[in-house]
Amino acid sequence: MSYEFFPIVYDELMDAELYDEWADFARQVLPQAKGALLDLASGTGEFAIRMHFLGYDVTGLDLSAEMVRVSQDKINAINLPISFSKENMAYFSSQKRFDVVTCFCDSLNYLETEEELMATFQRVYEHLNQDGVFLFDVHSVYKVDVGFRDYSYGDSDSAVSVIWNSFVGELPHSVEHELTFFIENADGTYTRKDELHKERTYPINVYENKLMATGFKKIEVYADFSLEKPHEKSERIFFLARK
């Protein structure tokens, strides 16, 4: 999967209110006591910044070197004590232990195999303090199989245009997103960039079983930024698992 160009325009294309929704949801379900928080697949750092202002000692990691560069430049510009590193969330290693680990924006769906998903759960478990919490979201099977079927999206402004088309993937409950960007140059011409993003999800019980097999307990499941339980047409599934 290519993820080289997208970080440059990510904040322009992303709905900033979604970060507020993730932060507000986290505030509702996480323990009141603040502590060290690790944000997996931290992207451009927007969620990490919000959690810092909620009182957490935040660290972020992302597989994309460009995402890390964008987020670190942003943090340096506003002088916040948040650090980011380039690491694969399925294999990361840190001397630090955390009270909370988060992974939002369906980032776990970018893992291509069940082995990588299990490895990520294991790494998270090992890096959590006792009674620590793992909070993440994924696309539902309904969203991947139905919501993304023949999905097409386009948007543009004076500087960047994007065309987004989604197709059924090769694996069960998987989807492939073909993204084309047109970026305006200083001379008025445009540069085209293409990326392919692949996502895969699983039924809720698969995530629950893998979390329990890792050692997590007291697993809570929610849907669509609410405290309601999922139903058959829920699109985004949230998991909170305690060590």
C-alpha atoms as a PDB file:
ATOM      1  CA  MET A   1       0.000   0.000   0.000  1.00  0.00           C
ATOM      2  CA  SER A   2       1.287   3.428  -0.940  1.00  0.00           C
ATOM      3  CA  TYR A   3       1.006   6.137   1.717  1.00  0.00           C
ATOM      4  CA  GLU A   4       3.575   8.645   0.510  1.00  0.00           C
ATOM      5  CA  PHE A   5       1.659  11.611  -0.847  1.00  0.00           C
ATOM      6  CA  PHE A   6      -1.602  11.538   1.128  1.00  0.00           C
ATOM      7  CA  PRO A   7      -0.102  12.999   4.353  1.00  0.00           C
ATOM      8  CA  ILE A   8       0.676  16.282   2.582  1.00  0.00           C
ATOM      9  CA  VAL A   9      -3.017  16.988   1.923  1.00  0.00           C
ATOM     10  CA  TYR A  10      -4.575  14.837   4.659  1.00  0.00           C
ATOM     11  CA  ASP A  11      -5.643  17.696   6.926  1.00  0.00           C
ATOM     12  CA  GLU A  12      -7.216  19.571   4.017  1.00  0.00           C
ATOM     13  CA  LEU A  13      -9.373  16.573   3.079  1.00  0.00           C
ATOM     14  CA  MET A  14     -10.178  15.281   6.564  1.00  0.00           C
ATOM     15  CA  ASP A  15     -13.209  16.622   8.426  1.00  0.00           C
ATOM     16  CA  ALA A  16     -11.698  18.249  11.526  1.00  0.00           C
ATOM     17  CA  GLU A  17     -14.927  17.641  13.461  1.00  0.00           C
ATOM     18  CA  LEU A  18     -14.225  13.900  13.323  1.00  0.00           C
ATOM     19  CA  TYR A  19     -11.160  14.398  15.523  1.00  0.00           C
ATOM     20  CA  ASP A  20     -13.379  16.232  17.999  1.00  0.00           C
ATOM     21  CA  GLU A  21     -15.772  13.266  17.946  1.00  0.00           C
ATOM     22  CA  TRP A  22     -12.966  10.771  18.590  1.00  0.00           C
ATOM     23  CA  ALA A  23     -11.606  12.878  21.430  1.00  0.00           C
ATOM     24  CA  ASP A  24     -15.053  13.369  22.954  1.00  0.00           C
ATOM     25  CA  PHE A  25     -15.813   9.659  22.726  1.00  0.00           C
ATOM     26  CA  ALA A  26     -12.457   8.830  24.351  1.00  0.00           C
ATOM     27  CA  ARG A  27     -13.161  11.324  27.121  1.00  0.00           C
ATOM     28  CA  GLN A  28     -16.471   9.587  27.870  1.00  0.00           C
ATOM     29  CA  VAL A  29     -15.212   6.007  28.081  1.00  0.00           C
ATOM     30  CA  LEU A  30     -11.638   6.282  29.368  1.00  0.00           C
ATOM     31  CA  PRO A  31     -10.872   6.300  33.099  1.00  0.00           C
ATOM     32  CA  GLN A  32     -10.969   9.751  34.685  1.00  0.00           C
ATOM     33  CA  ALA A  33      -7.379   9.487  35.876  1.00  0.00           C
ATOM     34  CA  LYS A  34      -5.046  10.855  33.182  1.00  0.00           C
ATOM     35  CA  GLY A  35      -1.702   9.234  32.403  1.00  0.00           C
ATOM     36  CA  ALA A  36       0.607   8.181  29.600  1.00  0.00           C
ATOM     37  CA  LEU A  37      -1.151   7.626  26.278  1.00  0.00           C
ATOM     38  CA  LEU A  38       0.216   6.008  23.123  1.00  0.00           C
ATOM     39  CA  ASP A  39      -1.613   6.780  19.893  1.00  0.00           C
ATOM     40  CA  LEU A  40      -1.044   4.157  17.209  1.00  0.00           C
ATOM     41  CA  ALA A  41      -1.254   5.258  13.563  1.00  0.00           C
ATOM     42  CA  SER A  42      -1.143   8.833  14.827  1.00  0.00           C
ATOM     43  CA  GLY A  43      -1.354  10.380  11.361  1.00  0.00           C
ATOM     44  CA  THR A  44      -0.898  14.143  11.310  1.00  0.00           C
ATOM     45  CA  GLY A  45      -1.154  14.387  15.102  1.00  0.00           C
ATOM     46  CA  GLU A  46      -4.590  15.992  15.363  1.00  0.00           C
ATOM     47  CA  PHE A  47      -6.003  13.415  17.792  1.00  0.00           C
ATOM     48  CA  ALA A  48      -2.776  13.423  19.818  1.00  0.00           C
ATOM     49  CA  ILE A  49      -3.017  17.201  20.223  1.00  0.00           C
ATOM     50  CA  ARG A  50      -6.583  16.959  21.495  1.00  0.00           C
ATOM     51  CA  MET A  51      -5.653  14.265  24.011  1.00  0.00           C
ATOM     52  CA  HIS A  52      -2.737  16.390  25.220  1.00  0.00           C
ATOM     53  CA  PHE A  53      -5.152  19.201  26.013  1.00  0.00           C
ATOM     54  CA  LEU A  54      -7.353  16.711  27.851  1.00  0.00           C
ATOM     55  CA  GLY A  55      -4.421  16.133  30.204  1.00  0.00           C
ATOM     56  CA  TYR A  56      -2.605  13.077  28.822  1.00  0.00           C
ATOM     57  CA  ASP A  57       1.136  12.598  28.364  1.00  0.00           C
ATOM     58  CA  VAL A  58       0.948  11.667  24.679  1.00  0.00           C
ATOM     59  CA  THR A  59       3.286   9.732  22.406  1.00  0.00           C
ATOM     60  CA  GLY A  60       2.467   8.845  18.804  1.00  0.00           C
ATOM     61  CA  LEU A  61       3.727   6.425  16.192  1.00  0.00           C
ATOM     62  CA  ASP A  62       2.925   5.909  12.536  1.00  0.00           C
ATOM     63  CA  LEU A  63       4.140   3.646   9.752  1.00  0.00           C
ATOM     64  CA  SER A  64       4.423   6.568   7.319  1.00  0.00           C
ATOM     65  CA  ALA A  65       7.609   8.633   7.583  1.00  0.00           C
ATOM     66  CA  GLU A  66       5.781  11.492   5.873  1.00  0.00           C
ATOM     67  CA  MET A  67       2.955  11.384   8.434  1.00  0.00           C
ATOM     68  CA  VAL A  68       5.538  11.536  11.227  1.00  0.00           C
ATOM     69  CA  ARG A  69       7.271  14.496   9.568  1.00  0.00           C
ATOM     70  CA  VAL A  70       3.996  16.399   9.134  1.00  0.00           C
ATOM     71  CA  SER A  71       2.890  15.756  12.719  1.00  0.00           C
ATOM     72  CA  GLN A  72       6.283  16.589  14.248  1.00  0.00           C
ATOM     73  CA  ASP A  73       6.502  19.843  12.278  1.00  0.00           C
ATOM     74  CA  LYS A  74       3.029  20.734  13.538  1.00  0.00           C
ATOM     75  CA  ILE A  75       3.927  19.976  17.149  1.00  0.00           C
ATOM     76  CA  ASN A  76       7.195  21.894  16.943  1.00  0.00           C
ATOM     77  CA  ALA A  77       5.398  24.935  15.532  1.00  0.00           C
ATOM     78  CA  ILE A  78       3.083  25.145  18.550  1.00  0.00           C
ATOM     79  CA  ASN A  79       5.681  23.909  21.053  1.00  0.00           C
ATOM     80  CA  LEU A  80       3.842  20.968  22.595  1.00  0.00           C
ATOM     81  CA  PRO A  81       5.605  18.117  24.452  1.00  0.00           C
ATOM     82  CA  ILE A  82       4.432  15.330  22.127  1.00  0.00           C
ATOM     83  CA  SER A  83       6.858  13.020  20.319  1.00  0.00           C
ATOM     84  CA  PHE A  84       6.220  10.911  17.226  1.00  0.00           C
ATOM     85  CA  SER A  85       8.184   8.026  15.758  1.00  0.00           C
ATOM     86  CA  LYS A  86       8.060   5.936  12.608  1.00  0.00           C
ATOM     87  CA  GLU A  87       7.138   2.383  13.612  1.00  0.00           C
ATOM     88  CA  ASN A  88       4.951  -0.493  12.504  1.00  0.00           C
ATOM     89  CA  MET A  89       2.215  -0.930  15.111  1.00  0.00           C
ATOM     90  CA  ALA A  90       2.413  -4.715  14.748  1.00  0.00           C
ATOM     91  CA  TYR A  91       6.076  -4.751  15.804  1.00  0.00           C
ATOM     92  CA  PHE A  92       6.740  -1.572  17.802  1.00  0.00           C
ATOM     93  CA  SER A  93       8.900  -1.616  20.903  1.00  0.00           C
ATOM     94  CA  SER A  94       9.299   0.988  23.634  1.00  0.00           C
ATOM     95  CA  GLN A  95      10.875   1.091  27.068  1.00  0.00           C
ATOM     96  CA  LYS A  96       7.917   3.174  28.210  1.00  0.00           C
ATOM     97  CA  ARG A  97       4.661   1.703  29.489  1.00  0.00           C
ATOM     98  CA  PHE A  98       1.291   3.361  28.989  1.00  0.00           C
ATOM     99  CA  ASP A  99      -2.010   3.730  30.813  1.00  0.00           C
ATOM    100  CA  VAL A 100      -3.936   4.091  27.557  1.00  0.00           C
ATOM    101  CA  VAL A 101      -3.301   2.995  23.967  1.00  0.00           C
ATOM    102  CA  THR A 102      -5.548   4.336  21.220  1.00  0.00           C
ATOM    103  CA  CYS A 103      -5.895   3.507  17.530  1.00  0.00           C
ATOM    104  CA  PHE A 104      -8.572   5.408  15.619  1.00  0.00           C
ATOM    105  CA  CYS A 105      -9.626   6.269  12.081  1.00  0.00           C
ATOM    106  CA  ASP A 106     -10.050   2.540  11.228  1.00  0.00           C
ATOM    107  CA  SER A 107      -6.255   2.243  11.131  1.00  0.00           C
ATOM    108  CA  LEU A 108      -6.313  -1.395  12.244  1.00  0.00           C
ATOM    109  CA  ASN A 109      -8.187  -2.170   9.034  1.00  0.00           C
ATOM    110  CA  TYR A 110      -4.996  -1.426   7.105  1.00  0.00           C
ATOM    111  CA  LEU A 111      -3.384  -4.566   8.552  1.00  0.00           C
ATOM    112  CA  GLU A 112      -3.487  -7.154   5.786  1.00  0.00           C
ATOM    113  CA  THR A 113      -3.499 -10.387   7.828  1.00  0.00           C
ATOM    114  CA  GLU A 114      -5.013 -11.790  11.011  1.00  0.00           C
ATOM    115  CA  GLU A 115      -1.446 -12.494  12.161  1.00  0.00           C
ATOM    116  CA  GLU A 116      -0.604  -8.788  11.981  1.00  0.00           C
ATOM    117  CA  LEU A 117      -3.787  -7.932  13.875  1.00  0.00           C
ATOM    118  CA  MET A 118      -2.930 -10.428  16.601  1.00  0.00           C
ATOM    119  CA  ALA A 119       0.659  -9.175  16.742  1.00  0.00           C
ATOM    120  CA  THR A 120      -0.612  -5.619  17.248  1.00  0.00           C
ATOM    121  CA  PHE A 121      -2.872  -6.713  20.093  1.00  0.00           C
ATOM    122  CA  GLN A 122       0.064  -8.497  21.703  1.00  0.00           C
ATOM    123  CA  ARG A 123       2.365  -5.480  21.396  1.00  0.00           C
ATOM    124  CA  VAL A 124      -0.311  -3.236  22.899  1.00  0.00           C
ATOM    125  CA  TYR A 125      -0.908  -5.634  25.788  1.00  0.00           C
ATOM    126  CA  GLU A 126       2.810  -5.816  26.552  1.00  0.00           C
ATOM    127  CA  HIS A 127       3.132  -2.018  26.591  1.00  0.00           C
ATOM    128  CA  LEU A 128       0.153  -1.329  28.850  1.00  0.00           C
ATOM    129  CA  ASN A 129       0.415  -0.865  32.581  1.00  0.00           C
ATOM    130  CA  GLN A 130      -1.682  -3.172  34.725  1.00  0.00           C
ATOM    131  CA  ASP A 131      -5.337  -2.101  34.435  1.00  0.00           C
ATOM    132  CA  GLY A 132      -4.397  -0.135  31.306  1.00  0.00           C
ATOM    133  CA  VAL A 133      -6.943   0.422  28.551  1.00  0.00           C
ATOM    134  CA  PHE A 134      -6.853  -0.194  24.791  1.00  0.00           C
ATOM    135  CA  LEU A 135      -9.386   1.855  22.817  1.00  0.00           C
ATOM    136  CA  PHE A 136      -9.774   1.530  19.042  1.00  0.00           C
ATOM    137  CA  ASP A 137     -12.250   1.615  16.195  1.00  0.00           C
ATOM    138  CA  VAL A 138     -12.697  -0.369  12.968  1.00  0.00           C
ATOM    139  CA  HIS A 139     -15.014  -0.390  10.008  1.00  0.00           C
ATOM    140  CA  SER A 140     -17.897  -2.813  10.442  1.00  0.00           C
ATOM    141  CA  VAL A 141     -18.464  -5.691   8.057  1.00  0.00           C
ATOM    142  CA  TYR A 142     -21.571  -3.828   6.882  1.00  0.00           C
ATOM    143  CA  LYS A 143     -19.562  -0.708   6.085  1.00  0.00           C
ATOM    144  CA  VAL A 144     -16.943  -2.609   4.091  1.00  0.00           C
ATOM    145  CA  ASP A 145     -19.300  -4.988   2.275  1.00  0.00           C
ATOM    146  CA  VAL A 146     -22.198  -2.600   1.643  1.00  0.00           C
ATOM    147  CA  GLY A 147     -21.215   0.975   2.425  1.00  0.00           C
ATOM    148  CA  PHE A 148     -18.104   0.962   0.232  1.00  0.00           C
ATOM    149  CA  ARG A 149     -19.694  -0.998  -2.604  1.00  0.00           C
ATOM    150  CA  ASP A 150     -19.322   1.122  -5.756  1.00  0.00           C
ATOM    151  CA  TYR A 151     -18.351   4.083  -3.553  1.00  0.00           C
ATOM    152  CA  SER A 152     -17.175   7.178  -5.407  1.00  0.00           C
ATOM    153  CA  TYR A 153     -16.237  10.582  -4.012  1.00  0.00           C
ATOM    154  CA  GLY A 154     -14.784  13.771  -5.412  1.00  0.00           C
ATOM    155  CA  ASP A 155     -13.781  17.083  -3.876  1.00  0.00           C
ATOM    156  CA  SER A 156     -11.770  20.104  -4.895  1.00  0.00           C
ATOM    157  CA  ASP A 157     -10.673  23.570  -3.896  1.00  0.00           C
ATOM    158  CA  SER A 158      -8.254  26.077  -5.343  1.00  0.00           C
ATOM    159  CA  ALA A 159      -5.179  24.034  -4.411  1.00  0.00           C
ATOM    160  CA  VAL A 160      -6.065  20.340  -4.446  1.00  0.00           C
ATOM    161  CA  SER A 161      -8.619  18.013  -6.008  1.00  0.00           C
ATOM    162  CA  VAL A 162      -9.234  14.375  -5.137  1.00  0.00           C
ATOM    163  CA  ILE A 163     -11.099  11.524  -6.820  1.00  0.00           C
ATOM    164  CA  TRP A 164     -11.795   8.532  -4.572  1.00  0.00           C
ATOM    165  CA  ASN A 165     -13.176   5.252  -5.899  1.00  0.00           C
ATOM    166  CA  SER A 166     -13.626   2.062  -3.862  1.00  0.00           C
ATOM    167  CA  PHE A 167     -13.795  -1.528  -5.099  1.00  0.00           C
ATOM    168  CA  VAL A 168     -14.350  -4.947  -3.532  1.00  0.00           C
ATOM    169  CA  GLY A 169     -11.049  -6.421  -2.364  1.00  0.00           C
ATOM    170  CA  GLU A 170      -9.685  -9.911  -2.923  1.00  0.00           C
ATOM    171  CA  LEU A 171     -10.052 -11.043   0.709  1.00  0.00           C
ATOM    172  CA  PRO A 172     -13.308 -11.479   2.665  1.00  0.00           C
ATOM    173  CA  HIS A 173     -14.669  -8.168   4.017  1.00  0.00           C
ATOM    174  CA  SER A 174     -11.969  -6.142   2.258  1.00  0.00           C
ATOM    175  CA  VAL A 175     -11.981  -3.044   0.088  1.00  0.00           C
ATOM    176  CA  GLU A 176      -9.499  -1.227  -2.133  1.00  0.00           C
ATOM    177  CA  HIS A 177      -9.531   2.561  -2.376  1.00  0.00           C
ATOM    178  CA  GLU A 178      -8.029   4.161  -5.462  1.00  0.00           C
ATOM    179  CA  LEU A 179      -7.141   7.802  -4.781  1.00  0.00           C
ATOM    180  CA  THR A 180      -6.089  10.326  -7.402  1.00  0.00           C
ATOM    181  CA  PHE A 181      -4.877  13.791  -6.390  1.00  0.00           C
ATOM    182  CA  PHE A 182      -4.383  16.850  -8.558  1.00  0.00           C
ATOM    183  CA  ILE A 183      -2.205  19.494  -6.887  1.00  0.00           C
ATOM    184  CA  GLU A 184      -1.837  22.980  -8.289  1.00  0.00           C
ATOM    185  CA  ASN A 185       1.723  24.116  -8.971  1.00  0.00           C
ATOM    186  CA  ALA A 186       3.003  27.681  -8.724  1.00  0.00           C
ATOM    187  CA  ASP A 187       2.776  28.120 -12.512  1.00  0.00           C
ATOM    188  CA  GLY A 188      -0.890  27.104 -12.614  1.00  0.00           C
ATOM    189  CA  THR A 189      -0.285  23.580 -13.897  1.00  0.00           C
ATOM    190  CA  TYR A 190      -1.277  20.486 -11.908  1.00  0.00           C
ATOM    191  CA  THR A 191       0.647  17.468 -10.689  1.00  0.00           C
ATOM    192  CA  ARG A 192      -1.180  14.136 -10.500  1.00  0.00           C
ATOM    193  CA  LYS A 193      -0.489  11.608  -7.732  1.00  0.00           C
ATOM    194  CA  ASP A 194      -2.112   8.169  -7.372  1.00  0.00           C
ATOM    195  CA  GLU A 195      -2.335   5.978  -4.271  1.00  0.00           C
ATOM    196  CA  LEU A 196      -3.899   2.600  -3.499  1.00  0.00           C
ATOM    197  CA  HIS A 197      -5.210   1.930   0.003  1.00  0.00           C
ATOM    198  CA  LYS A 198      -6.390  -1.514   1.105  1.00  0.00           C
ATOM    199  CA  GLU A 199      -8.559  -2.192   4.145  1.00  0.00           C
ATOM    200  CA  ARG A 200      -9.869  -5.375   5.694  1.00  0.00           C
ATOM    201  CA  THR A 201     -12.200  -5.972   8.617  1.00  0.00           C
ATOM    202  CA  TYR A 202     -13.728  -8.882  10.567  1.00  0.00           C
ATOM    203  CA  PRO A 203     -16.935  -9.673  12.454  1.00  0.00           C
ATOM    204  CA  ILE A 204     -17.090  -8.257  15.966  1.00  0.00           C
ATOM    205  CA  ASN A 205     -16.615 -11.652  17.612  1.00  0.00           C
ATOM    206  CA  VAL A 206     -13.288 -12.135  15.791  1.00  0.00           C
ATOM    207  CA  TYR A 207     -11.900  -8.960  17.369  1.00  0.00           C
ATOM    208  CA  GLU A 208     -13.290  -9.971  20.771  1.00  0.00           C
ATOM    209  CA  ASN A 209     -11.803 -13.466  20.582  1.00  0.00           C
ATOM    210  CA  LYS A 210      -8.373 -12.161  19.586  1.00  0.00           C
ATOM    211  CA  LEU A 211      -8.407  -9.600  22.385  1.00  0.00           C
ATOM    212  CA  MET A 212      -9.325 -12.272  24.935  1.00  0.00           C
ATOM    213  CA  ALA A 213      -6.691 -14.651  23.542  1.00  0.00           C
ATOM    214  CA  THR A 214      -4.130 -11.907  24.087  1.00  0.00           C
ATOM    215  CA  GLY A 215      -5.172 -11.555  27.715  1.00  0.00           C
ATOM    216  CA  PHE A 216      -7.498  -8.553  27.646  1.00  0.00           C
ATOM    217  CA  LYS A 217     -10.600  -8.603  29.835  1.00  0.00           C
ATOM    218  CA  LYS A 218     -13.773  -6.577  30.332  1.00  0.00           C
ATOM    219  CA  ILE A 219     -14.195  -5.873  26.633  1.00  0.00           C
ATOM    220  CA  GLU A 220     -16.842  -3.265  25.817  1.00  0.00           C
ATOM    221  CA  VAL A 221     -18.213  -2.693  22.314  1.00  0.00           C
ATOM    222  CA  TYR A 222     -19.899   0.469  21.028  1.00  0.00           C
ATOM    223  CA  ALA A 223     -20.970   1.858  17.663  1.00  0.00           C
ATOM    224  CA  ASP A 224     -20.759   5.065  15.666  1.00  0.00           C
ATOM    225  CA  PHE A 225     -19.318   7.428  18.312  1.00  0.00           C
ATOM    226  CA  SER A 226     -22.124   6.614  20.746  1.00  0.00           C
ATOM    227  CA  LEU A 227     -22.461   4.537  23.878  1.00  0.00           C
ATOM    228  CA  GLU A 228     -25.016   2.371  22.092  1.00  0.00           C
ATOM    229  CA  LYS A 229     -24.309  -1.243  21.193  1.00  0.00           C
ATOM    230  CA  PRO A 230     -23.788  -2.123  17.515  1.00  0.00           C
ATOM    231  CA  HIS A 231     -26.636  -3.228  15.278  1.00  0.00           C
ATOM    232  CA  GLU A 232     -26.550  -4.860  11.853  1.00  0.00           C
ATOM    233  CA  LYS A 233     -26.113  -1.543  10.006  1.00  0.00           C
ATOM    234  CA  SER A 234     -23.633   0.121  12.355  1.00  0.00           C
ATOM    235  CA  GLU A 235     -20.695   1.448  10.365  1.00  0.00           C
ATOM    236  CA  ARG A 236     -17.917   2.148  12.862  1.00  0.00           C
ATOM    237  CA  ILE A 237     -17.301  -0.240  15.767  1.00  0.00           C
ATOM    238  CA  PHE A 238     -15.456   0.858  18.913  1.00  0.00           C
ATOM    239  CA  PHE A 239     -13.714  -1.532  21.303  1.00  0.00           C
ATOM    240  CA  LEU A 240     -12.500  -0.792  24.822  1.00  0.00           C
ATOM    241  CA  ALA A 241     -10.408  -3.576  26.349  1.00  0.00           C
ATOM    242  CA  ARG A 242      -8.793  -3.613  29.787  1.00  0.00           C
ATOM    243  CA  LYS A 243      -5.592  -5.376  30.730  1.00  0.00           C
END
